[in-house]
mmCIF file of all heavy atoms, coordinates in Angstrom:
data_MODEL
# 
_entry.id   MODEL 
# 
loop_
_atom_site.group_PDB 
_atom_site.id 
_atom_site.type_symbol 
_atom_site.label_atom_id 
_atom_site.label_alt_id 
_atom_site.label_comp_id 
_atom_site.label_asym_id 
_atom_site.label_entity_id 
_atom_site.label_seq_id 
_atom_site.pdbx_PDB_ins_code 
_atom_site.Cartn_x 
_atom_site.Cartn_y 
_atom_site.Cartn_z 
_atom_site.occupancy 
_atom_site.B_iso_or_equiv 
_atom_site.pdbx_formal_charge 
_atom_site.auth_seq_id 
_atom_site.auth_comp_id 
_atom_site.auth_asym_id 
_atom_site.auth_atom_id 
_atom_site.pdbx_PDB_model_num 
ATOM 1   N N   . ILE A 1 1  ? 0.837   -1.198 -0.003  1.00 0.00 ? 1  ILE A N   1 
ATOM 2   C CA  . ILE A 1 1  ? 0.003   0.005  -0.008  1.00 0.00 ? 1  ILE A CA  1 
ATOM 3   C C   . ILE A 1 1  ? 0.867   1.249  0.004   1.00 0.00 ? 1  ILE A C   1 
ATOM 4   O O   . ILE A 1 1  ? 0.634   2.184  -0.783  1.00 0.00 ? 1  ILE A O   1 
ATOM 5   C CB  . ILE A 1 1  ? -0.952  -0.019 1.212   1.00 0.00 ? 1  ILE A CB  1 
ATOM 6   C CG1 . ILE A 1 1  ? -2.035  -1.096 0.996   1.00 0.00 ? 1  ILE A CG1 1 
ATOM 7   C CG2 . ILE A 1 1  ? -1.589  1.345  1.450   1.00 0.00 ? 1  ILE A CG2 1 
ATOM 8   C CD1 . ILE A 1 1  ? -2.787  -1.473 2.257   1.00 0.00 ? 1  ILE A CD1 1 
ATOM 9   N N   . LEU A 1 2  ? 1.889   1.284  0.817   1.00 0.00 ? 2  LEU A N   1 
ATOM 10  C CA  . LEU A 1 2  ? 2.750   2.450  0.878   1.00 0.00 ? 2  LEU A CA  1 
ATOM 11  C C   . LEU A 1 2  ? 3.589   2.584  -0.394  1.00 0.00 ? 2  LEU A C   1 
ATOM 12  O O   . LEU A 1 2  ? 3.880   3.711  -0.836  1.00 0.00 ? 2  LEU A O   1 
ATOM 13  C CB  . LEU A 1 2  ? 3.662   2.395  2.101   1.00 0.00 ? 2  LEU A CB  1 
ATOM 14  C CG  . LEU A 1 2  ? 2.954   2.431  3.459   1.00 0.00 ? 2  LEU A CG  1 
ATOM 15  C CD1 . LEU A 1 2  ? 3.971   2.651  4.580   1.00 0.00 ? 2  LEU A CD1 1 
ATOM 16  C CD2 . LEU A 1 2  ? 1.899   3.534  3.509   1.00 0.00 ? 2  LEU A CD2 1 
ATOM 17  N N   . ARG A 1 3  ? 3.953   1.468  -0.997  1.00 0.00 ? 3  ARG A N   1 
ATOM 18  C CA  . ARG A 1 3  ? 4.691   1.525  -2.265  1.00 0.00 ? 3  ARG A CA  1 
ATOM 19  C C   . ARG A 1 3  ? 3.828   2.144  -3.353  1.00 0.00 ? 3  ARG A C   1 
ATOM 20  O O   . ARG A 1 3  ? 4.283   3.002  -4.121  1.00 0.00 ? 3  ARG A O   1 
ATOM 21  C CB  . ARG A 1 3  ? 5.127   0.094  -2.657  1.00 0.00 ? 3  ARG A CB  1 
ATOM 22  C CG  . ARG A 1 3  ? 6.123   0.067  -3.810  1.00 0.00 ? 3  ARG A CG  1 
ATOM 23  C CD  . ARG A 1 3  ? 6.571   -1.356 -4.092  1.00 0.00 ? 3  ARG A CD  1 
ATOM 24  N NE  . ARG A 1 3  ? 7.157   -1.980 -2.911  1.00 0.00 ? 3  ARG A NE  1 
ATOM 25  C CZ  . ARG A 1 3  ? 6.624   -3.011 -2.258  1.00 0.00 ? 3  ARG A CZ  1 
ATOM 26  N NH1 . ARG A 1 3  ? 5.485   -3.533 -2.656  1.00 0.00 ? 3  ARG A NH1 1 
ATOM 27  N NH2 . ARG A 1 3  ? 7.244   -3.514 -1.198  1.00 0.00 ? 3  ARG A NH2 1 
ATOM 28  N N   . GLN A 1 4  ? 2.573   1.719  -3.408  1.00 0.00 ? 4  GLN A N   1 
ATOM 29  C CA  . GLN A 1 4  ? 1.657   2.308  -4.387  1.00 0.00 ? 4  GLN A CA  1 
ATOM 30  C C   . GLN A 1 4  ? 1.390   3.775  -4.086  1.00 0.00 ? 4  GLN A C   1 
ATOM 31  O O   . GLN A 1 4  ? 1.325   4.623  -4.995  1.00 0.00 ? 4  GLN A O   1 
ATOM 32  C CB  . GLN A 1 4  ? 0.340   1.536  -4.416  1.00 0.00 ? 4  GLN A CB  1 
ATOM 33  C CG  . GLN A 1 4  ? 0.476   0.136  -4.989  1.00 0.00 ? 4  GLN A CG  1 
ATOM 34  C CD  . GLN A 1 4  ? -0.856  -0.633 -4.960  1.00 0.00 ? 4  GLN A CD  1 
ATOM 35  O OE1 . GLN A 1 4  ? -1.923  -0.047 -4.762  1.00 0.00 ? 4  GLN A OE1 1 
ATOM 36  N NE2 . GLN A 1 4  ? -0.773  -1.930 -5.148  1.00 0.00 ? 4  GLN A NE2 1 
ATOM 37  N N   . GLY A 1 5  ? 1.244   4.080  -2.808  1.00 0.00 ? 5  GLY A N   1 
ATOM 38  C CA  . GLY A 1 5  ? 1.028   5.473  -2.409  1.00 0.00 ? 5  GLY A CA  1 
ATOM 39  C C   . GLY A 1 5  ? 2.164   6.380  -2.810  1.00 0.00 ? 5  GLY A C   1 
ATOM 40  O O   . GLY A 1 5  ? 1.948   7.534  -3.234  1.00 0.00 ? 5  GLY A O   1 
ATOM 41  N N   . GLN A 1 6  ? 3.384   5.891  -2.686  1.00 0.00 ? 6  GLN A N   1 
ATOM 42  C CA  . GLN A 1 6  ? 4.553   6.684  -3.078  1.00 0.00 ? 6  GLN A CA  1 
ATOM 43  C C   . GLN A 1 6  ? 4.527   6.994  -4.558  1.00 0.00 ? 6  GLN A C   1 
ATOM 44  O O   . GLN A 1 6  ? 4.829   8.111  -4.999  1.00 0.00 ? 6  GLN A O   1 
ATOM 45  C CB  . GLN A 1 6  ? 5.847   5.920  -2.718  1.00 0.00 ? 6  GLN A CB  1 
ATOM 46  C CG  . GLN A 1 6  ? 7.135   6.677  -3.049  1.00 0.00 ? 6  GLN A CG  1 
ATOM 47  C CD  . GLN A 1 6  ? 7.272   7.947  -2.236  1.00 0.00 ? 6  GLN A CD  1 
ATOM 48  O OE1 . GLN A 1 6  ? 7.160   7.930  -1.015  1.00 0.00 ? 6  GLN A OE1 1 
ATOM 49  N NE2 . GLN A 1 6  ? 7.499   9.060  -2.903  1.00 0.00 ? 6  GLN A NE2 1 
ATOM 50  N N   . MET A 1 7  ? 4.161   6.001  -5.375  1.00 0.00 ? 7  MET A N   1 
ATOM 51  C CA  . MET A 1 7  ? 4.057   6.210  -6.828  1.00 0.00 ? 7  MET A CA  1 
ATOM 52  C C   . MET A 1 7  ? 3.025   7.279  -7.151  1.00 0.00 ? 7  MET A C   1 
ATOM 53  O O   . MET A 1 7  ? 3.243   8.138  -8.015  1.00 0.00 ? 7  MET A O   1 
ATOM 54  C CB  . MET A 1 7  ? 3.678   4.904  -7.521  1.00 0.00 ? 7  MET A CB  1 
ATOM 55  C CG  . MET A 1 7  ? 4.747   3.840  -7.520  1.00 0.00 ? 7  MET A CG  1 
ATOM 56  S SD  . MET A 1 7  ? 4.118   2.273  -8.213  1.00 0.00 ? 7  MET A SD  1 
ATOM 57  C CE  . MET A 1 7  ? 3.570   2.811  -9.832  1.00 0.00 ? 7  MET A CE  1 
ATOM 58  N N   . ILE A 1 8  ? 1.907   7.239  -6.443  1.00 0.00 ? 8  ILE A N   1 
ATOM 59  C CA  . ILE A 1 8  ? 0.842   8.226  -6.689  1.00 0.00 ? 8  ILE A CA  1 
ATOM 60  C C   . ILE A 1 8  ? 1.296   9.615  -6.255  1.00 0.00 ? 8  ILE A C   1 
ATOM 61  O O   . ILE A 1 8  ? 1.073   10.602 -6.969  1.00 0.00 ? 8  ILE A O   1 
ATOM 62  C CB  . ILE A 1 8  ? -0.437  7.801  -5.951  1.00 0.00 ? 8  ILE A CB  1 
ATOM 63  C CG1 . ILE A 1 8  ? -0.974  6.486  -6.557  1.00 0.00 ? 8  ILE A CG1 1 
ATOM 64  C CG2 . ILE A 1 8  ? -1.492  8.896  -6.024  1.00 0.00 ? 8  ILE A CG2 1 
ATOM 65  C CD1 . ILE A 1 8  ? -2.079  5.858  -5.761  1.00 0.00 ? 8  ILE A CD1 1 
ATOM 66  N N   . ALA A 1 9  ? 1.939   9.711  -5.105  1.00 0.00 ? 9  ALA A N   1 
ATOM 67  C CA  . ALA A 1 9  ? 2.402   10.998 -4.602  1.00 0.00 ? 9  ALA A CA  1 
ATOM 68  C C   . ALA A 1 9  ? 3.368   11.655 -5.594  1.00 0.00 ? 9  ALA A C   1 
ATOM 69  O O   . ALA A 1 9  ? 3.376   12.888 -5.743  1.00 0.00 ? 9  ALA A O   1 
ATOM 70  C CB  . ALA A 1 9  ? 3.078   10.821 -3.253  1.00 0.00 ? 9  ALA A CB  1 
ATOM 71  N N   . GLN A 1 10 ? 4.164   10.855 -6.272  1.00 0.00 ? 10 GLN A N   1 
ATOM 72  C CA  . GLN A 1 10 ? 5.123   11.379 -7.254  1.00 0.00 ? 10 GLN A CA  1 
ATOM 73  C C   . GLN A 1 10 ? 4.428   11.964 -8.476  1.00 0.00 ? 10 GLN A C   1 
ATOM 74  O O   . GLN A 1 10 ? 5.043   12.745 -9.220  1.00 0.00 ? 10 GLN A O   1 
ATOM 75  C CB  . GLN A 1 10 ? 6.106   10.293 -7.666  1.00 0.00 ? 10 GLN A CB  1 
ATOM 76  C CG  . GLN A 1 10 ? 7.048   9.874  -6.559  1.00 0.00 ? 10 GLN A CG  1 
ATOM 77  C CD  . GLN A 1 10 ? 7.860   8.630  -6.909  1.00 0.00 ? 10 GLN A CD  1 
ATOM 78  O OE1 . GLN A 1 10 ? 7.634   7.985  -7.946  1.00 0.00 ? 10 GLN A OE1 1 
ATOM 79  N NE2 . GLN A 1 10 ? 8.827   8.304  -6.067  1.00 0.00 ? 10 GLN A NE2 1 
ATOM 80  N N   . GLN A 1 11 ? 3.175   11.599 -8.678  1.00 0.00 ? 11 GLN A N   1 
ATOM 81  C CA  . GLN A 1 11 ? 2.431   12.100 -9.844  1.00 0.00 ? 11 GLN A CA  1 
ATOM 82  C C   . GLN A 1 11 ? 1.493   13.258 -9.503  1.00 0.00 ? 11 GLN A C   1 
ATOM 83  O O   . GLN A 1 11 ? 0.695   13.667 -10.338 1.00 0.00 ? 11 GLN A O   1 
ATOM 84  C CB  . GLN A 1 11 ? 1.613   10.946 -10.447 1.00 0.00 ? 11 GLN A CB  1 
ATOM 85  C CG  . GLN A 1 11 ? 2.450   9.811  -11.006 1.00 0.00 ? 11 GLN A CG  1 
ATOM 86  C CD  . GLN A 1 11 ? 3.426   10.275 -12.078 1.00 0.00 ? 11 GLN A CD  1 
ATOM 87  O OE1 . GLN A 1 11 ? 3.044   11.042 -12.956 1.00 0.00 ? 11 GLN A OE1 1 
ATOM 88  N NE2 . GLN A 1 11 ? 4.659   9.830  -11.990 1.00 0.00 ? 11 GLN A NE2 1 
ATOM 89  N N   . LYS A 1 12 ? 1.599   13.779 -8.285  1.00 0.00 ? 12 LYS A N   1 
ATOM 90  C CA  . LYS A 1 12 ? 0.762   14.900 -7.880  1.00 0.00 ? 12 LYS A CA  1 
ATOM 91  C C   . LYS A 1 12 ? 0.994   16.094 -8.816  1.00 0.00 ? 12 LYS A C   1 
ATOM 92  O O   . LYS A 1 12 ? 2.121   16.483 -9.070  1.00 0.00 ? 12 LYS A O   1 
ATOM 93  C CB  . LYS A 1 12 ? 1.083   15.301 -6.437  1.00 0.00 ? 12 LYS A CB  1 
ATOM 94  C CG  . LYS A 1 12 ? 0.226   16.450 -5.903  1.00 0.00 ? 12 LYS A CG  1 
ATOM 95  C CD  . LYS A 1 12 ? 0.575   16.794 -4.470  1.00 0.00 ? 12 LYS A CD  1 
ATOM 96  C CE  . LYS A 1 12 ? -0.295  17.940 -3.952  1.00 0.00 ? 12 LYS A CE  1 
ATOM 97  N NZ  . LYS A 1 12 ? 0.054   18.305 -2.550  1.00 0.00 ? 12 LYS A NZ  1 
ATOM 98  N N   . GLY A 1 13 ? -0.098  16.643 -9.330  1.00 0.00 ? 13 GLY A N   1 
ATOM 99  C CA  . GLY A 1 13 ? -0.012  17.773 -10.234 1.00 0.00 ? 13 GLY A CA  1 
ATOM 100 C C   . GLY A 1 13 ? 0.327   17.394 -11.655 1.00 0.00 ? 13 GLY A C   1 
ATOM 101 O O   . GLY A 1 13 ? 0.368   18.265 -12.536 1.00 0.00 ? 13 GLY A O   1 
ATOM 102 N N   . ILE A 1 14 ? 0.573   16.113 -11.897 1.00 0.00 ? 14 ILE A N   1 
ATOM 103 C CA  . ILE A 1 14 ? 0.885   15.644 -13.259 1.00 0.00 ? 14 ILE A CA  1 
ATOM 104 C C   . ILE A 1 14 ? -0.291  14.846 -13.799 1.00 0.00 ? 14 ILE A C   1 
ATOM 105 O O   . ILE A 1 14 ? -0.940  15.249 -14.768 1.00 0.00 ? 14 ILE A O   1 
ATOM 106 C CB  . ILE A 1 14 ? 2.173   14.781 -13.260 1.00 0.00 ? 14 ILE A CB  1 
ATOM 107 C CG1 . ILE A 1 14 ? 3.349   15.592 -12.710 1.00 0.00 ? 14 ILE A CG1 1 
ATOM 108 C CG2 . ILE A 1 14 ? 2.477   14.295 -14.674 1.00 0.00 ? 14 ILE A CG2 1 
ATOM 109 C CD1 . ILE A 1 14 ? 4.606   14.789 -12.494 1.00 0.00 ? 14 ILE A CD1 1 
ATOM 110 N N   . CYS A 1 15 ? -0.586  13.733 -13.126 1.00 0.00 ? 15 CYS A N   1 
ATOM 111 C CA  . CYS A 1 15 ? -1.745  12.934 -13.551 1.00 0.00 ? 15 CYS A CA  1 
ATOM 112 C C   . CYS A 1 15 ? -2.478  12.347 -12.358 1.00 0.00 ? 15 CYS A C   1 
ATOM 113 O O   . CYS A 1 15 ? -3.204  11.356 -12.486 1.00 0.00 ? 15 CYS A O   1 
ATOM 114 C CB  . CYS A 1 15 ? -1.353  11.838 -14.541 1.00 0.00 ? 15 CYS A CB  1 
ATOM 115 S SG  . CYS A 1 15 ? -0.177  10.631 -13.863 1.00 0.00 ? 15 CYS A SG  1 
ATOM 116 N N   . ALA A 1 16 ? -2.286  12.952 -11.180 1.00 0.00 ? 16 ALA A N   1 
ATOM 117 C CA  . ALA A 1 16 ? -2.994  12.499 -9.977  1.00 0.00 ? 16 ALA A CA  1 
ATOM 118 C C   . ALA A 1 16 ? -3.361  13.696 -9.125  1.00 0.00 ? 16 ALA A C   1 
ATOM 119 O O   . ALA A 1 16 ? -2.517  14.534 -8.795  1.00 0.00 ? 16 ALA A O   1 
ATOM 120 C CB  . ALA A 1 16 ? -2.103  11.552 -9.172  1.00 0.00 ? 16 ALA A CB  1 
ATOM 121 N N   . ASP A 1 17 ? -4.647  13.802 -8.787  1.00 0.00 ? 17 ASP A N   1 
ATOM 122 C CA  . ASP A 1 17 ? -5.128  14.873 -7.924  1.00 0.00 ? 17 ASP A CA  1 
ATOM 123 C C   . ASP A 1 17 ? -5.482  14.372 -6.533  1.00 0.00 ? 17 ASP A C   1 
ATOM 124 O O   . ASP A 1 17 ? -5.410  15.121 -5.569  1.00 0.00 ? 17 ASP A O   1 
ATOM 125 C CB  . ASP A 1 17 ? -6.373  15.512 -8.553  1.00 0.00 ? 17 ASP A CB  1 
ATOM 126 C CG  . ASP A 1 17 ? -6.056  16.165 -9.882  1.00 0.00 ? 17 ASP A CG  1 
ATOM 127 O OD1 . ASP A 1 17 ? -5.182  17.040 -9.916  1.00 0.00 ? 17 ASP A OD1 1 
ATOM 128 O OD2 . ASP A 1 17 ? -6.684  15.792 -10.890 1.00 0.00 ? 17 ASP A OD2 1 
ATOM 129 N N   . LEU A 1 18 ? -5.909  13.133 -6.430  1.00 0.00 ? 18 LEU A N   1 
ATOM 130 C CA  . LEU A 1 18 ? -6.187  12.530 -5.142  1.00 0.00 ? 18 LEU A CA  1 
ATOM 131 C C   . LEU A 1 18 ? -6.030  11.022 -5.238  1.00 0.00 ? 18 LEU A C   1 
ATOM 132 O O   . LEU A 1 18 ? -5.917  10.452 -6.327  1.00 0.00 ? 18 LEU A O   1 
ATOM 133 C CB  . LEU A 1 18 ? -7.585  12.883 -4.619  1.00 0.00 ? 18 LEU A CB  1 
ATOM 134 C CG  . LEU A 1 18 ? -8.822  12.422 -5.375  1.00 0.00 ? 18 LEU A CG  1 
ATOM 135 C CD1 . LEU A 1 18 ? -10.046 12.467 -4.446  1.00 0.00 ? 18 LEU A CD1 1 
ATOM 136 C CD2 . LEU A 1 18 ? -9.110  13.299 -6.578  1.00 0.00 ? 18 LEU A CD2 1 
ATOM 137 N N   . CYS A 1 19 ? -5.992  10.391 -4.072  1.00 0.00 ? 19 CYS A N   1 
ATOM 138 C CA  . CYS A 1 19 ? -5.741  8.944  -3.969  1.00 0.00 ? 19 CYS A CA  1 
ATOM 139 C C   . CYS A 1 19 ? -6.938  8.274  -3.302  1.00 0.00 ? 19 CYS A C   1 
ATOM 140 O O   . CYS A 1 19 ? -7.510  8.807  -2.347  1.00 0.00 ? 19 CYS A O   1 
ATOM 141 C CB  . CYS A 1 19 ? -4.473  8.734  -3.143  1.00 0.00 ? 19 CYS A CB  1 
ATOM 142 S SG  . CYS A 1 19 ? -4.125  7.009  -2.692  1.00 0.00 ? 19 CYS A SG  1 
ATOM 143 N N   . GLU A 1 20 ? -7.315  7.115  -3.820  1.00 0.00 ? 20 GLU A N   1 
ATOM 144 C CA  . GLU A 1 20 ? -8.358  6.315  -3.172  1.00 0.00 ? 20 GLU A CA  1 
ATOM 145 C C   . GLU A 1 20 ? -7.718  5.047  -2.596  1.00 0.00 ? 20 GLU A C   1 
ATOM 146 O O   . GLU A 1 20 ? -7.050  4.297  -3.302  1.00 0.00 ? 20 GLU A O   1 
ATOM 147 C CB  . GLU A 1 20 ? -9.430  5.893  -4.174  1.00 0.00 ? 20 GLU A CB  1 
ATOM 148 C CG  . GLU A 1 20 ? -10.512 5.007  -3.536  1.00 0.00 ? 20 GLU A CG  1 
ATOM 149 C CD  . GLU A 1 20 ? -11.504 4.422  -4.530  1.00 0.00 ? 20 GLU A CD  1 
ATOM 150 O OE1 . GLU A 1 20 ? -11.073 4.037  -5.636  1.00 0.00 ? 20 GLU A OE1 1 
ATOM 151 O OE2 . GLU A 1 20 ? -12.684 4.348  -4.198  1.00 0.00 ? 20 GLU A OE2 1 
ATOM 152 N N   . TRP A 1 21 ? -7.909  4.836  -1.300  1.00 0.00 ? 21 TRP A N   1 
ATOM 153 C CA  . TRP A 1 21 ? -7.452  3.597  -0.678  1.00 0.00 ? 21 TRP A CA  1 
ATOM 154 C C   . TRP A 1 21 ? -8.637  2.632  -0.621  1.00 0.00 ? 21 TRP A C   1 
ATOM 155 O O   . TRP A 1 21 ? -9.602  2.866  0.091   1.00 0.00 ? 21 TRP A O   1 
ATOM 156 C CB  . TRP A 1 21 ? -6.917  3.857  0.739   1.00 0.00 ? 21 TRP A CB  1 
ATOM 157 C CG  . TRP A 1 21 ? -6.404  2.603  1.414   1.00 0.00 ? 21 TRP A CG  1 
ATOM 158 C CD1 . TRP A 1 21 ? -5.996  1.455  0.807   1.00 0.00 ? 21 TRP A CD1 1 
ATOM 159 C CD2 . TRP A 1 21 ? -6.250  2.404  2.828   1.00 0.00 ? 21 TRP A CD2 1 
ATOM 160 N NE1 . TRP A 1 21 ? -5.590  0.542  1.745   1.00 0.00 ? 21 TRP A NE1 1 
ATOM 161 C CE2 . TRP A 1 21 ? -5.734  1.099  2.995   1.00 0.00 ? 21 TRP A CE2 1 
ATOM 162 C CE3 . TRP A 1 21 ? -6.484  3.198  3.948   1.00 0.00 ? 21 TRP A CE3 1 
ATOM 163 C CZ2 . TRP A 1 21 ? -5.475  0.556  4.251   1.00 0.00 ? 21 TRP A CZ2 1 
ATOM 164 C CZ3 . TRP A 1 21 ? -6.208  2.680  5.198   1.00 0.00 ? 21 TRP A CZ3 1 
ATOM 165 C CH2 . TRP A 1 21 ? -5.703  1.376  5.343   1.00 0.00 ? 21 TRP A CH2 1 
ATOM 166 N N   . ARG A 1 22 ? -8.514  1.540  -1.373  1.00 0.00 ? 22 ARG A N   1 
ATOM 167 C CA  . ARG A 1 22 ? -9.556  0.511  -1.400  1.00 0.00 ? 22 ARG A CA  1 
ATOM 168 C C   . ARG A 1 22 ? -9.267  -0.501 -0.290  1.00 0.00 ? 22 ARG A C   1 
ATOM 169 O O   . ARG A 1 22 ? -8.539  -1.467 -0.473  1.00 0.00 ? 22 ARG A O   1 
ATOM 170 C CB  . ARG A 1 22 ? -9.564  -0.158 -2.772  1.00 0.00 ? 22 ARG A CB  1 
ATOM 171 C CG  . ARG A 1 22 ? -10.280 0.657  -3.850  1.00 0.00 ? 22 ARG A CG  1 
ATOM 172 C CD  . ARG A 1 22 ? -11.802 0.641  -3.653  1.00 0.00 ? 22 ARG A CD  1 
ATOM 173 N NE  . ARG A 1 22 ? -12.290 -0.715 -3.687  1.00 0.00 ? 22 ARG A NE  1 
ATOM 174 C CZ  . ARG A 1 22 ? -12.703 -1.318 -4.821  1.00 0.00 ? 22 ARG A CZ  1 
ATOM 175 N NH1 . ARG A 1 22 ? -12.706 -0.656 -5.970  1.00 0.00 ? 22 ARG A NH1 1 
ATOM 176 N NH2 . ARG A 1 22 ? -13.141 -2.558 -4.797  1.00 0.00 ? 22 ARG A NH2 1 
ATOM 177 N N   . ILE A 1 23 ? -9.831  -0.256 0.874   1.00 0.00 ? 23 ILE A N   1 
ATOM 178 C CA  . ILE A 1 23 ? -9.501  -1.079 2.032   1.00 0.00 ? 23 ILE A CA  1 
ATOM 179 C C   . ILE A 1 23 ? -10.092 -2.487 1.948   1.00 0.00 ? 23 ILE A C   1 
ATOM 180 O O   . ILE A 1 23 ? -9.673  -3.377 2.696   1.00 0.00 ? 23 ILE A O   1 
ATOM 181 C CB  . ILE A 1 23 ? -9.895  -0.413 3.348   1.00 0.00 ? 23 ILE A CB  1 
ATOM 182 C CG1 . ILE A 1 23 ? -11.433 -0.279 3.474   1.00 0.00 ? 23 ILE A CG1 1 
ATOM 183 C CG2 . ILE A 1 23 ? -9.221  0.942  3.504   1.00 0.00 ? 23 ILE A CG2 1 
ATOM 184 C CD1 . ILE A 1 23 ? -11.873 0.162  4.858   1.00 0.00 ? 23 ILE A CD1 1 
ATOM 185 N N   . ASP A 1 24 ? -11.051 -2.714 1.025   1.00 0.00 ? 24 ASP A N   1 
ATOM 186 C CA  . ASP A 1 24 ? -11.562 -4.089 0.872   1.00 0.00 ? 24 ASP A CA  1 
ATOM 187 C C   . ASP A 1 24 ? -10.488 -5.031 0.314   1.00 0.00 ? 24 ASP A C   1 
ATOM 188 O O   . ASP A 1 24 ? -10.636 -6.248 0.415   1.00 0.00 ? 24 ASP A O   1 
ATOM 189 C CB  . ASP A 1 24 ? -12.806 -4.106 -0.010  1.00 0.00 ? 24 ASP A CB  1 
ATOM 190 C CG  . ASP A 1 24 ? -12.627 -3.397 -1.341  1.00 0.00 ? 24 ASP A CG  1 
ATOM 191 O OD1 . ASP A 1 24 ? -12.370 -2.164 -1.299  1.00 0.00 ? 24 ASP A OD1 1 
ATOM 192 O OD2 . ASP A 1 24 ? -12.752 -4.028 -2.399  1.00 0.00 ? 24 ASP A OD2 1 
# 
């Protein structure tokens, strides 16, 4: 989860505005 989150954070302002954590 944190590995995926890091990838998303790196795309902030490029192709990611927010993150959804699918806890299921």
